[in-house]
Amino acid sequence: MLLFLSYSEHALLRMAQRNLSASDVEYTLTNGRECRRGAAIHYTLRGKDIPKPDRRNNEIKRLEGVTVLIAPDDNQIITVYRNKEASKNTRKKMKYNRKKSYYNNLPLAV
């Protein structure tokens, strides 16, 4: 578990916009699923990650889908957002479209 975390200004702004408190972020970091993707660590709180005694509590149930992004070098929270499908999106590798190519879009020389 990360001991010392700081919040970026962007993260504080997003937390205020999305009605999330520091305790909500801490709960997500404690119980959420960790996924390293690119240069950030994603902590996503899925429905099955919430302990059974807490599932009836509406204050905790509303946190389902909260994702916290952390920069691993300085342990700073980059941003916080809600997306119930986030765990699916962060695990998948982006697909490469071979049909859409830079060379296919060049104008023909006359």
Protein backbone atom coordinates (compact mmCIF):
# COMPACT_ATOMS: atom_id res chain seq x y z
CA MET A 1 0.00 0.00 0.00
CA LEU A 2 1.20 3.48 -0.77
CA LEU A 3 1.99 5.35 2.42
CA PHE A 4 2.58 8.93 1.34
CA LEU A 5 0.33 10.32 -1.36
CA SER A 6 -0.07 13.83 -2.59
CA TYR A 7 -2.85 15.20 -4.77
CA SER A 8 -2.30 17.18 -7.94
CA GLU A 9 -4.42 20.29 -8.46
CA HIS A 10 -6.18 18.48 -11.28
CA ALA A 11 -7.08 15.58 -8.99
CA LEU A 12 -8.48 17.92 -6.31
CA LEU A 13 -10.58 19.70 -8.94
CA ARG A 14 -11.93 16.43 -10.32
CA MET A 15 -12.69 15.10 -6.85
CA ALA A 16 -14.75 18.22 -6.13
CA GLN A 17 -16.58 17.96 -9.46
CA ARG A 18 -17.36 14.27 -8.96
CA ASN A 19 -18.36 14.54 -5.29
CA LEU A 20 -15.54 12.34 -3.99
CA SER A 21 -13.75 12.90 -0.70
CA ALA A 22 -10.26 11.91 0.40
CA SER A 23 -11.77 9.04 2.41
CA ASP A 24 -13.51 7.79 -0.77
CA VAL A 25 -10.17 7.80 -2.59
CA GLU A 26 -8.52 6.02 0.34
CA TYR A 27 -11.25 3.36 0.33
CA THR A 28 -10.71 2.84 -3.40
CA LEU A 29 -6.95 2.50 -2.93
CA THR A 30 -7.43 0.04 -0.07
CA ASN A 31 -10.04 -2.22 -1.67
CA GLY A 32 -9.66 -1.55 -5.40
CA ARG A 33 -7.91 -3.62 -8.03
CA GLU A 34 -4.45 -2.45 -9.06
CA CYS A 35 -3.56 -2.41 -12.74
CA ARG A 36 -0.34 -0.97 -14.14
CA ARG A 37 -0.93 0.53 -17.56
CA GLY A 38 1.60 2.73 -19.29
CA ALA A 39 3.21 5.24 -16.96
CA ALA A 40 0.42 5.18 -14.35
CA ILE A 41 -1.08 2.84 -11.79
CA HIS A 42 -4.87 2.47 -11.98
CA TYR A 43 -6.84 1.51 -8.87
CA THR A 44 -10.41 0.59 -9.82
CA LEU A 45 -13.12 -0.30 -7.32
CA ARG A 46 -15.30 -2.95 -8.92
CA GLY A 47 -18.52 -4.29 -7.43
CA LYS A 48 -16.90 -7.56 -6.43
CA ASP A 49 -14.02 -5.72 -4.73
CA ILE A 50 -16.37 -4.20 -2.16
CA PRO A 51 -16.43 -6.40 0.99
CA LYS A 52 -19.76 -8.16 1.60
CA PRO A 53 -20.62 -6.25 4.82
CA ASP A 54 -20.18 -2.94 2.95
CA ARG A 55 -22.35 -3.83 -0.06
CA ARG A 56 -25.55 -2.78 1.71
CA ASN A 57 -24.11 0.60 2.67
CA ASN A 58 -25.23 3.14 0.05
CA GLU A 59 -22.30 5.47 0.80
CA ILE A 60 -19.87 2.75 -0.23
CA LYS A 61 -22.03 1.23 -2.95
CA ARG A 62 -21.95 4.56 -4.82
CA LEU A 63 -18.16 4.23 -5.11
CA GLU A 64 -18.43 1.33 -7.54
CA GLY A 65 -16.55 2.28 -10.69
CA VAL A 66 -14.29 4.90 -9.11
CA THR A 67 -10.81 4.86 -10.64
CA VAL A 68 -7.74 6.58 -9.18
CA LEU A 69 -4.64 7.19 -11.32
CA ILE A 70 -1.31 7.45 -9.53
CA ALA A 71 2.10 8.43 -10.90
CA PRO A 72 4.49 5.73 -9.63
CA ASP A 73 7.62 7.91 -9.51
CA ASP A 74 6.40 10.53 -7.03
CA ASN A 75 3.29 8.82 -5.55
CA GLN A 76 1.05 11.66 -6.68
CA ILE A 77 -2.61 11.13 -7.49
CA ILE A 78 -3.03 12.39 -11.04
CA THR A 79 -6.79 12.20 -11.45
CA VAL A 80 -9.96 10.52 -10.18
CA TYR A 81 -12.95 9.51 -12.29
CA ARG A 82 -16.01 7.26 -12.33
CA ASN A 83 -16.57 4.59 -14.95
CA LYS A 84 -18.18 1.25 -14.18
CA GLU A 85 -16.56 -0.23 -17.30
CA ALA A 86 -13.10 1.11 -16.40
CA SER A 87 -11.64 -2.23 -15.34
CA LYS A 88 -12.41 -3.68 -18.78
CA ASN A 89 -10.94 -0.69 -20.60
CA THR A 90 -7.69 -0.50 -18.63
CA ARG A 91 -6.91 -4.20 -19.02
CA LYS A 92 -7.34 -4.33 -22.79
CA LYS A 93 -4.53 -3.54 -25.15
CA MET A 94 -5.41 -1.04 -27.84
CA LYS A 95 -6.05 -2.62 -31.23
CA TYR A 96 -4.07 -1.64 -34.27
CA ASN A 97 -6.12 -0.98 -37.37
CA ARG A 98 -4.07 -2.18 -40.35
CA LYS A 99 -6.62 -0.97 -42.91
CA LYS A 100 -6.30 2.64 -41.86
CA SER A 101 -2.83 3.67 -42.87
CA TYR A 102 -1.01 6.92 -43.37
CA TYR A 103 -0.07 5.87 -46.90
CA ASN A 104 -3.68 5.19 -47.91
CA ASN A 105 -4.65 8.78 -47.13
CA LEU A 106 -2.00 10.47 -49.27
CA PRO A 107 -3.24 12.33 -52.36
CA LEU A 108 -2.35 10.80 -55.70
CA ALA A 109 0.33 12.57 -57.74
CA VAL A 110 -0.78 13.51 -61.25
